[in-house]
PDB file of N, CA and C in Angstrom:
ATOM      1  N   MET A   1      -8.651  -1.307  11.118  1.00  0.00           N
ATOM      2  CA  MET A   1      -7.581  -1.910  11.889  1.00  0.00           C
ATOM      3  C   MET A   1      -6.326  -1.165  11.847  1.00  0.00           C
ATOM      4  N   THR A   2      -5.693  -1.073  13.051  1.00  0.00           N
ATOM      5  CA  THR A   2      -4.446  -0.285  13.040  1.00  0.00           C
ATOM      6  C   THR A   2      -3.227  -1.214  12.933  1.00  0.00           C
ATOM      7  N   LYS A   3      -2.053  -0.619  12.693  1.00  0.00           N
ATOM      8  CA  LYS A   3      -0.904  -1.485  12.558  1.00  0.00           C
ATOM      9  C   LYS A   3      -0.629  -2.364  13.769  1.00  0.00           C
ATOM     10  N   SER A   4      -0.792  -1.760  14.969  1.00  0.00           N
ATOM     11  CA  SER A   4      -0.617  -2.514  16.245  1.00  0.00           C
ATOM     12  C   SER A   4      -1.606  -3.519  16.458  1.00  0.00           C
ATOM     13  N   GLU A   5      -2.876  -3.355  16.006  1.00  0.00           N
ATOM     14  CA  GLU A   5      -3.845  -4.451  16.093  1.00  0.00           C
ATOM     15  C   GLU A   5      -3.545  -5.557  15.209  1.00  0.00           C
ATOM     16  N   LEU A   6      -3.068  -5.313  13.983  1.00  0.00           N
ATOM     17  CA  LEU A   6      -2.640  -6.302  13.038  1.00  0.00           C
ATOM     18  C   LEU A   6      -1.508  -7.047  13.621  1.00  0.00           C
ATOM     19  N   ILE A   7      -0.558  -6.450  14.242  1.00  0.00           N
ATOM     20  CA  ILE A   7       0.608  -7.131  14.805  1.00  0.00           C
ATOM     21  C   ILE A   7       0.128  -8.018  15.945  1.00  0.00           C
ATOM     22  N   GLY A   8      -0.806  -7.561  16.718  1.00  0.00           N
ATOM     23  CA  GLY A   8      -1.328  -8.293  17.839  1.00  0.00           C
ATOM     24  C   GLY A   8      -2.064  -9.660  17.277  1.00  0.00           C
ATOM     25  N   LYS A   9      -2.897  -9.496  16.269  1.00  0.00           N
ATOM     26  CA  LYS A   9      -3.628 -10.599  15.716  1.00  0.00           C
ATOM     27  C   LYS A   9      -2.712 -11.576  15.070  1.00  0.00           C
ATOM     28  N   VAL A  10      -1.644 -11.200  14.424  1.00  0.00           N
ATOM     29  CA  VAL A  10      -0.687 -12.058  13.755  1.00  0.00           C
ATOM     30  C   VAL A  10       0.108 -12.748  14.872  1.00  0.00           C
ATOM     31  N   ALA A  11       0.496 -12.009  15.901  1.00  0.00           N
ATOM     32  CA  ALA A  11       1.269 -12.648  17.007  1.00  0.00           C
ATOM     33  C   ALA A  11       0.521 -13.749  17.622  1.00  0.00           C
ATOM     34  N   ILE A  12      -0.807 -13.543  17.893  1.00  0.00           N
ATOM     35  CA  ILE A  12      -1.661 -14.627  18.416  1.00  0.00           C
ATOM     36  C   ILE A  12      -1.821 -15.883  17.424  1.00  0.00           C
ATOM     37  N   ALA A  13      -2.008 -15.543  16.256  1.00  0.00           N
ATOM     38  CA  ALA A  13      -2.242 -16.575  15.272  1.00  0.00           C
ATOM     39  C   ALA A  13      -0.923 -17.417  15.002  1.00  0.00           C
ATOM     40  N   THR A  14       0.160 -16.830  15.167  1.00  0.00           N
ATOM     41  CA  THR A  14       1.457 -17.587  14.855  1.00  0.00           C
ATOM     42  C   THR A  14       2.214 -18.006  16.101  1.00  0.00           C
ATOM     43  N   ASP A  15       1.755 -17.660  17.250  1.00  0.00           N
ATOM     44  CA  ASP A  15       2.446 -17.911  18.482  1.00  0.00           C
ATOM     45  C   ASP A  15       3.836 -17.332  18.504  1.00  0.00           C
ATOM     46  N   LEU A  16       3.961 -16.110  17.828  1.00  0.00           N
ATOM     47  CA  LEU A  16       5.256 -15.380  17.978  1.00  0.00           C
ATOM     48  C   LEU A  16       5.063 -14.161  18.755  1.00  0.00           C
ATOM     49  N   GLY A  17       6.119 -13.547  19.195  1.00  0.00           N
ATOM     50  CA  GLY A  17       6.039 -12.358  20.053  1.00  0.00           C
ATOM     51  C   GLY A  17       5.719 -11.166  19.152  1.00  0.00           C
ATOM     52  N   LYS A  18       5.092 -10.209  19.831  1.00  0.00           N
ATOM     53  CA  LYS A  18       4.689  -8.933  19.134  1.00  0.00           C
ATOM     54  C   LYS A  18       5.896  -8.266  18.538  1.00  0.00           C
ATOM     55  N   ALA A  19       7.029  -8.367  19.212  1.00  0.00           N
ATOM     56  CA  ALA A  19       8.273  -7.681  18.699  1.00  0.00           C
ATOM     57  C   ALA A  19       8.791  -8.332  17.437  1.00  0.00           C
ATOM     58  N   SER A  20       8.679  -9.683  17.370  1.00  0.00           N
ATOM     59  CA  SER A  20       9.082 -10.412  16.224  1.00  0.00           C
ATOM     60  C   SER A  20       8.210 -10.117  15.020  1.00  0.00           C
ATOM     61  N   VAL A  21       6.942 -10.125  15.277  1.00  0.00           N
ATOM     62  CA  VAL A  21       5.905  -9.848  14.185  1.00  0.00           C
ATOM     63  C   VAL A  21       6.139  -8.435  13.726  1.00  0.00           C
ATOM     64  N   GLU A  22       6.295  -7.474  14.542  1.00  0.00           N
ATOM     65  CA  GLU A  22       6.553  -6.034  14.138  1.00  0.00           C
ATOM     66  C   GLU A  22       7.813  -6.000  13.321  1.00  0.00           C
ATOM     67  N   LYS A  23       8.861  -6.689  13.668  1.00  0.00           N
ATOM     68  CA  LYS A  23      10.084  -6.663  12.908  1.00  0.00           C
ATOM     69  C   LYS A  23       9.902  -7.178  11.544  1.00  0.00           C
ATOM     70  N   VAL A  24       9.168  -8.324  11.431  1.00  0.00           N
ATOM     71  CA  VAL A  24       8.839  -8.868  10.119  1.00  0.00           C
ATOM     72  C   VAL A  24       7.975  -7.980   9.241  1.00  0.00           C
ATOM     73  N   LEU A  25       6.903  -7.466   9.862  1.00  0.00           N
ATOM     74  CA  LEU A  25       6.149  -6.491   9.105  1.00  0.00           C
ATOM     75  C   LEU A  25       6.753  -5.292   8.571  1.00  0.00           C
ATOM     76  N   SER A  26       7.669  -4.714   9.413  1.00  0.00           N
ATOM     77  CA  SER A  26       8.440  -3.579   8.995  1.00  0.00           C
ATOM     78  C   SER A  26       9.364  -3.877   7.905  1.00  0.00           C
ATOM     79  N   GLU A  27       9.928  -5.054   7.894  1.00  0.00           N
ATOM     80  CA  GLU A  27      10.901  -5.514   6.921  1.00  0.00           C
ATOM     81  C   GLU A  27      10.149  -5.701   5.562  1.00  0.00           C
ATOM     82  N   ILE A  28       8.950  -6.292   5.661  1.00  0.00           N
ATOM     83  CA  ILE A  28       8.123  -6.443   4.441  1.00  0.00           C
ATOM     84  C   ILE A  28       7.774  -5.087   3.811  1.00  0.00           C
ATOM     85  N   ILE A  29       7.379  -4.154   4.668  1.00  0.00           N
ATOM     86  CA  ILE A  29       7.091  -2.804   4.056  1.00  0.00           C
ATOM     87  C   ILE A  29       8.318  -2.172   3.516  1.00  0.00           C
ATOM     88  N   SER A  30       9.442  -2.233   4.189  1.00  0.00           N
ATOM     89  CA  SER A  30      10.665  -1.685   3.648  1.00  0.00           C
ATOM     90  C   SER A  30      11.071  -2.386   2.351  1.00  0.00           C
ATOM     91  N   THR A  31      10.911  -3.640   2.267  1.00  0.00           N
ATOM     92  CA  THR A  31      11.298  -4.355   1.015  1.00  0.00           C
ATOM     93  C   THR A  31      10.344  -3.905  -0.160  1.00  0.00           C
ATOM     94  N   LEU A  32       9.075  -3.803   0.174  1.00  0.00           N
ATOM     95  CA  LEU A  32       8.132  -3.285  -0.817  1.00  0.00           C
ATOM     96  C   LEU A  32       8.481  -1.935  -1.332  1.00  0.00           C
ATOM     97  N   VAL A  33       8.800  -1.042  -0.414  1.00  0.00           N
ATOM     98  CA  VAL A  33       9.106   0.378  -0.849  1.00  0.00           C
ATOM     99  C   VAL A  33      10.384   0.379  -1.654  1.00  0.00           C
ATOM    100  N   SER A  34      11.414  -0.298  -1.220  1.00  0.00           N
ATOM    101  CA  SER A  34      12.722  -0.280  -1.939  1.00  0.00           C
ATOM    102  C   SER A  34      12.530  -0.996  -3.340  1.00  0.00           C
ATOM    103  N   SER A  35      11.714  -2.036  -3.378  1.00  0.00           N
ATOM    104  CA  SER A  35      11.492  -2.697  -4.653  1.00  0.00           C
ATOM    105  C   SER A  35      10.796  -1.696  -5.645  1.00  0.00           C
ATOM    106  N   LEU A  36       9.808  -1.002  -5.150  1.00  0.00           N
ATOM    107  CA  LEU A  36       9.016  -0.074  -5.998  1.00  0.00           C
ATOM    108  C   LEU A  36       9.844   1.054  -6.462  1.00  0.00           C
ATOM    109  N   LYS A  37      10.881   1.399  -5.800  1.00  0.00           N
ATOM    110  CA  LYS A  37      11.842   2.473  -6.209  1.00  0.00           C
ATOM    111  C   LYS A  37      12.593   2.009  -7.455  1.00  0.00           C
ATOM    112  N   SER A  38      12.964   0.691  -7.549  1.00  0.00           N
ATOM    113  CA  SER A  38      13.778   0.222  -8.586  1.00  0.00           C
ATOM    114  C   SER A  38      12.982  -0.427  -9.732  1.00  0.00           C
ATOM    115  N   GLU A  39      11.808  -1.024  -9.419  1.00  0.00           N
ATOM    116  CA  GLU A  39      10.908  -1.722 -10.410  1.00  0.00           C
ATOM    117  C   GLU A  39       9.532  -1.119 -10.224  1.00  0.00           C
ATOM    118  N   PRO A  40       8.830  -0.958 -11.373  1.00  0.00           N
ATOM    119  CA  PRO A  40       7.512  -0.246 -11.318  1.00  0.00           C
ATOM    120  C   PRO A  40       6.352  -1.249 -10.959  1.00  0.00           C
ATOM    121  N   ARG A  41       6.717  -2.513 -10.718  1.00  0.00           N
ATOM    122  CA  ARG A  41       5.562  -3.472 -10.416  1.00  0.00           C
ATOM    123  C   ARG A  41       6.047  -4.490  -9.340  1.00  0.00           C
ATOM    124  N   PHE A  42       5.159  -4.685  -8.411  1.00  0.00           N
ATOM    125  CA  PHE A  42       5.440  -5.730  -7.286  1.00  0.00           C
ATOM    126  C   PHE A  42       4.202  -6.512  -7.098  1.00  0.00           C
ATOM    127  N   PRO A  43       4.175  -7.777  -7.775  1.00  0.00           N
ATOM    128  CA  PRO A  43       3.021  -8.581  -7.532  1.00  0.00           C
ATOM    129  C   PRO A  43       3.139  -9.432  -6.261  1.00  0.00           C
ATOM    130  N   LEU A  44       2.097  -9.553  -5.514  1.00  0.00           N
ATOM    131  CA  LEU A  44       1.943 -10.492  -4.357  1.00  0.00           C
ATOM    132  C   LEU A  44       0.818 -11.441  -4.733  1.00  0.00           C
ATOM    133  N   TYR A  45       1.118 -12.628  -5.200  1.00  0.00           N
ATOM    134  CA  TYR A  45       0.184 -13.473  -5.679  1.00  0.00           C
ATOM    135  C   TYR A  45      -0.842 -13.870  -4.557  1.00  0.00           C
ATOM    136  N   GLY A  46      -2.191 -13.771  -4.904  1.00  0.00           N
ATOM    137  CA  GLY A  46      -3.170 -14.088  -3.906  1.00  0.00           C
ATOM    138  C   GLY A  46      -3.669 -12.848  -3.235  1.00  0.00           C
ATOM    139  N   LEU A  47      -2.908 -11.756  -3.376  1.00  0.00           N
ATOM    140  CA  LEU A  47      -3.310 -10.439  -2.730  1.00  0.00           C
ATOM    141  C   LEU A  47      -3.562  -9.449  -3.780  1.00  0.00           C
ATOM    142  N   GLY A  48      -2.559  -9.202  -4.695  1.00  0.00           N
ATOM    143  CA  GLY A  48      -2.716  -8.250  -5.679  1.00  0.00           C
ATOM    144  C   GLY A  48      -1.373  -7.657  -6.183  1.00  0.00           C
ATOM    145  N   VAL A  49      -1.427  -6.536  -6.926  1.00  0.00           N
ATOM    146  CA  VAL A  49      -0.237  -5.968  -7.523  1.00  0.00           C
ATOM    147  C   VAL A  49      -0.087  -4.503  -7.108  1.00  0.00           C
ATOM    148  N   PHE A  50       1.074  -4.142  -6.640  1.00  0.00           N
ATOM    149  CA  PHE A  50       1.409  -2.765  -6.396  1.00  0.00           C
ATOM    150  C   PHE A  50       2.094  -2.205  -7.606  1.00  0.00           C
ATOM    151  N   GLU A  51       1.725  -1.087  -8.149  1.00  0.00           N
ATOM    152  CA  GLU A  51       2.385  -0.479  -9.377  1.00  0.00           C
ATOM    153  C   GLU A  51       2.655   0.963  -9.151  1.00  0.00           C
ATOM    154  N   VAL A  52       3.817   1.377  -9.645  1.00  0.00           N
ATOM    155  CA  VAL A  52       4.127   2.780  -9.650  1.00  0.00           C
ATOM    156  C   VAL A  52       3.621   3.357 -10.959  1.00  0.00           C
ATOM    157  N   VAL A  53       2.799   4.427 -10.843  1.00  0.00           N
ATOM    158  CA  VAL A  53       2.235   5.111 -12.007  1.00  0.00           C
ATOM    159  C   VAL A  53       2.638   6.579 -11.985  1.00  0.00           C
ATOM    160  N   LYS A  54       2.786   7.160 -13.142  1.00  0.00           N
ATOM    161  CA  LYS A  54       3.236   8.598 -13.236  1.00  0.00           C
ATOM    162  C   LYS A  54       1.866   9.434 -13.487  1.00  0.00           C
ATOM    163  N   ARG A  55       1.763  10.495 -12.656  1.00  0.00           N
ATOM    164  CA  ARG A  55       0.720  11.462 -12.822  1.00  0.00           C
ATOM    165  C   ARG A  55       1.250  12.603 -13.482  1.00  0.00           C
ATOM    166  N   PRO A  56       0.744  13.092 -14.605  1.00  0.00           N
ATOM    167  CA  PRO A  56       1.403  14.259 -15.275  1.00  0.00           C
ATOM    168  C   PRO A  56       1.017  15.550 -14.483  1.00  0.00           C
ATOM    169  N   LYS A  57       1.776  16.607 -14.762  1.00  0.00           N
ATOM    170  CA  LYS A  57       1.384  17.874 -14.097  1.00  0.00           C
ATOM    171  C   LYS A  57       0.021  18.311 -14.573  1.00  0.00           C
ATOM    172  N   ARG A  58      -0.718  19.062 -13.749  1.00  0.00           N
ATOM    173  CA  ARG A  58      -2.015  19.503 -14.047  1.00  0.00           C
ATOM    174  C   ARG A  58      -2.355  20.792 -13.424  1.00  0.00           C
ATOM    175  N   LYS A  59      -3.464  21.367 -13.811  1.00  0.00           N
ATOM    176  CA  LYS A  59      -3.890  22.578 -13.261  1.00  0.00           C
ATOM    177  C   LYS A  59      -4.776  22.327 -12.083  1.00  0.00           C
ATOM    178  N   GLY A  60      -4.697  23.130 -11.087  1.00  0.00           N
ATOM    179  CA  GLY A  60      -5.495  22.949  -9.872  1.00  0.00           C
ATOM    180  C   GLY A  60      -5.864  24.267  -9.357  1.00  0.00           C
ATOM    181  N   ARG A  61      -6.491  24.325  -8.188  1.00  0.00           N
ATOM    182  CA  ARG A  61      -6.911  25.604  -7.643  1.00  0.00           C
ATOM    183  C   ARG A  61      -6.581  25.656  -6.089  1.00  0.00           C
ATOM    184  N   ASN A  62      -6.043  26.675  -5.578  1.00  0.00           N
ATOM    185  CA  ASN A  62      -5.776  26.780  -4.185  1.00  0.00           C
ATOM    186  C   ASN A  62      -7.122  26.906  -3.477  1.00  0.00           C
ATOM    187  N   PRO A  63      -7.489  26.012  -2.566  1.00  0.00           N
ATOM    188  CA  PRO A  63      -8.805  26.077  -1.987  1.00  0.00           C
ATOM    189  C   PRO A  63      -9.058  27.259  -1.153  1.00  0.00           C
ATOM    190  N   ARG A  64      -8.015  27.906  -0.562  1.00  0.00           N
ATOM    191  CA  ARG A  64      -8.186  29.023   0.336  1.00  0.00           C
ATOM    192  C   ARG A  64      -8.423  30.358  -0.594  1.00  0.00           C
ATOM    193  N   THR A  65      -7.566  30.435  -1.549  1.00  0.00           N
ATOM    194  CA  THR A  65      -7.717  31.734  -2.288  1.00  0.00           C
ATOM    195  C   THR A  65      -8.447  31.594  -3.638  1.00  0.00           C
ATOM    196  N   GLY A  66      -8.609  30.402  -4.161  1.00  0.00           N
ATOM    197  CA  GLY A  66      -9.261  30.183  -5.506  1.00  0.00           C
ATOM    198  C   GLY A  66      -8.273  30.436  -6.619  1.00  0.00           C
ATOM    199  N   GLU A  67      -7.050  30.777  -6.315  1.00  0.00           N
ATOM    200  CA  GLU A  67      -6.055  31.108  -7.276  1.00  0.00           C
ATOM    201  C   GLU A  67      -5.648  29.874  -8.038  1.00  0.00           C
ATOM    202  N   PRO A  68      -5.516  29.895  -9.343  1.00  0.00           N
ATOM    203  CA  PRO A  68      -5.029  28.751 -10.087  1.00  0.00           C
ATOM    204  C   PRO A  68      -3.583  28.383  -9.851  1.00  0.00           C
ATOM    205  N   ILE A  69      -3.299  27.152  -9.741  1.00  0.00           N
ATOM    206  CA  ILE A  69      -1.977  26.683  -9.506  1.00  0.00           C
ATOM    207  C   ILE A  69      -1.612  25.503 -10.432  1.00  0.00           C
ATOM    208  N   ILE A  70      -0.332  25.244 -10.559  1.00  0.00           N
ATOM    209  CA  ILE A  70       0.116  24.040 -11.288  1.00  0.00           C
ATOM    210  C   ILE A  70       0.546  23.031 -10.302  1.00  0.00           C
ATOM    211  N   ILE A  71       0.002  21.853 -10.386  1.00  0.00           N
ATOM    212  CA  ILE A  71       0.407  20.732  -9.528  1.00  0.00           C
ATOM    213  C   ILE A  71       1.456  19.940 -10.318  1.00  0.00           C
ATOM    214  N   LYS A  72       2.545  19.715  -9.642  1.00  0.00           N
ATOM    215  CA  LYS A  72       3.740  19.069 -10.312  1.00  0.00           C
ATOM    216  C   LYS A  72       3.397  17.600 -10.642  1.00  0.00           C
ATOM    217  N   ALA A  73       4.115  17.106 -11.684  1.00  0.00           N
ATOM    218  CA  ALA A  73       4.008  15.686 -11.994  1.00  0.00           C
ATOM    219  C   ALA A  73       4.561  14.908 -10.923  1.00  0.00           C
ATOM    220  N   ARG A  74       4.050  13.683 -10.613  1.00  0.00           N
ATOM    221  CA  ARG A  74       4.664  12.920  -9.590  1.00  0.00           C
ATOM    222  C   ARG A  74       4.352  11.441  -9.792  1.00  0.00           C
ATOM    223  N   LYS A  75       4.975  10.601  -9.054  1.00  0.00           N
ATOM    224  CA  LYS A  75       4.707   9.221  -9.055  1.00  0.00           C
ATOM    225  C   LYS A  75       3.836   8.811  -7.955  1.00  0.00           C
ATOM    226  N   MET A  76       2.915   7.875  -8.168  1.00  0.00           N
ATOM    227  CA  MET A  76       2.132   7.400  -7.086  1.00  0.00           C
ATOM    228  C   MET A  76       2.001   5.923  -7.119  1.00  0.00           C
ATOM    229  N   VAL A  77       1.622   5.300  -6.068  1.00  0.00           N
ATOM    230  CA  VAL A  77       1.433   3.801  -5.978  1.00  0.00           C
ATOM    231  C   VAL A  77       0.055   3.466  -6.109  1.00  0.00           C
ATOM    232  N   ARG A  78      -0.222   2.490  -6.950  1.00  0.00           N
ATOM    233  CA  ARG A  78      -1.619   2.063  -7.180  1.00  0.00           C
ATOM    234  C   ARG A  78      -1.642   0.533  -6.813  1.00  0.00           C
ATOM    235  N   PHE A  79      -2.713   0.113  -6.106  1.00  0.00           N
ATOM    236  CA  PHE A  79      -2.860  -1.290  -5.782  1.00  0.00           C
ATOM    237  C   PHE A  79      -4.116  -1.831  -6.485  1.00  0.00           C
ATOM    238  N   ARG A  80      -3.896  -2.913  -7.169  1.00  0.00           N
ATOM    239  CA  ARG A  80      -4.948  -3.648  -7.777  1.00  0.00           C
ATOM    240  C   ARG A  80      -5.134  -4.992  -7.144  1.00  0.00           C
ATOM    241  N   ALA A  81      -6.255  -5.216  -6.538  1.00  0.00           N
ATOM    242  CA  ALA A  81      -6.459  -6.512  -5.786  1.00  0.00           C
ATOM    243  C   ALA A  81      -6.656  -7.671  -6.786  1.00  0.00           C
ATOM    244  N   SER A  82      -6.192  -8.835  -6.390  1.00  0.00           N
ATOM    245  CA  SER A  82      -6.272 -10.049  -7.180  1.00  0.00           C
ATOM    246  C   SER A  82      -7.748 -10.545  -7.226  1.00  0.00           C
ATOM    247  N   LYS A  83      -8.098 -11.360  -8.221  1.00  0.00           N
ATOM    248  CA  LYS A  83      -9.450 -11.881  -8.300  1.00  0.00           C
ATOM    249  C   LYS A  83      -9.787 -12.673  -7.045  1.00  0.00           C
ATOM    250  N   SER A  84      -8.959 -13.478  -6.507  1.00  0.00           N
ATOM    251  CA  SER A  84      -9.177 -14.288  -5.388  1.00  0.00           C
ATOM    252  C   SER A  84      -9.373 -13.375  -4.087  1.00  0.00           C
ATOM    253  N   PHE A  85      -8.631 -12.307  -3.988  1.00  0.00           N
ATOM    254  CA  PHE A  85      -8.752 -11.422  -2.849  1.00  0.00           C
ATOM    255  C   PHE A  85     -10.125 -10.738  -2.947  1.00  0.00           C
ATOM    256  N   LYS A  86     -10.512 -10.301  -4.050  1.00  0.00           N
ATOM    257  CA  LYS A  86     -11.797  -9.580  -4.264  1.00  0.00           C
ATOM    258  C   LYS A  86     -12.976 -10.561  -3.853  1.00  0.00           C
ATOM    259  N   GLU A  87     -12.831 -11.812  -4.374  1.00  0.00           N
ATOM    260  CA  GLU A  87     -13.873 -12.770  -4.136  1.00  0.00           C
ATOM    261  C   GLU A  87     -13.991 -13.032  -2.619  1.00  0.00           C
ATOM    262  N   ALA A  88     -12.869 -13.183  -1.947  1.00  0.00           N
ATOM    263  CA  ALA A  88     -12.885 -13.394  -0.486  1.00  0.00           C
ATOM    264  C   ALA A  88     -13.495 -12.318   0.302  1.00  0.00           C
ATOM    265  N   VAL A  89     -13.286 -11.073  -0.073  1.00  0.00           N
ATOM    266  CA  VAL A  89     -13.729  -9.945   0.586  1.00  0.00           C
ATOM    267  C   VAL A  89     -15.349  -9.824   0.298  1.00  0.00           C
ATOM    268  N   ASN A  90     -15.709 -10.030  -0.976  1.00  0.00           N
ATOM    269  CA  ASN A  90     -17.176  -9.986  -1.298  1.00  0.00           C
ATOM    270  C   ASN A  90     -18.037 -11.121  -0.802  1.00  0.00           C
ATOM    271  N   SER A  91     -17.396 -12.317  -0.541  1.00  0.00           N
ATOM    272  CA  SER A  91     -18.228 -13.467  -0.093  1.00  0.00           C
ATOM    273  C   SER A  91     -18.622 -13.293   1.294  1.00  0.00           C
ATOM    274  N   GLY A  92     -17.995 -12.462   2.083  1.00  0.00           N
ATOM    275  CA  GLY A  92     -18.372 -12.233   3.433  1.00  0.00           C
ATOM    276  C   GLY A  92     -17.776 -13.329   4.427  1.00  0.00           C
ATOM    277  N   LYS A  93     -16.774 -14.040   3.944  1.00  0.00           N
ATOM    278  CA  LYS A  93     -16.204 -15.134   4.772  1.00  0.00           C
ATOM    279  C   LYS A  93     -15.314 -14.518   5.813  1.00  0.00           C
TER     280      LYS A  93
END
C-alpha cells in the first residue's frame, strides 16, 4: 500500500477530505521523527515501539571493486511490533 492509498482509505473511513488526512499523517510522521531525535524511544500502544539504536563502525567491502572499506557508525530506527499487533496480523482478520 502506498501513502496515497493509505490516505484515501482513511479519508473514506473517517469522512474527512484527503487533504485533511494527508496533513494529519504528515504531522504524525514529523512528530515521530522530531521525538526520536530527542528521545531514543517512542511507544505507540497497540502498534509497537520505535527505537533509535546505534550501529558501530564495521568493515565492509565495495561491491564493485571488492576493496575493503570502513562503514561509519550510525544511528538507525528499529520497530518492534506489539503483541496485539502481531496477533492481529497473524490471525488473518
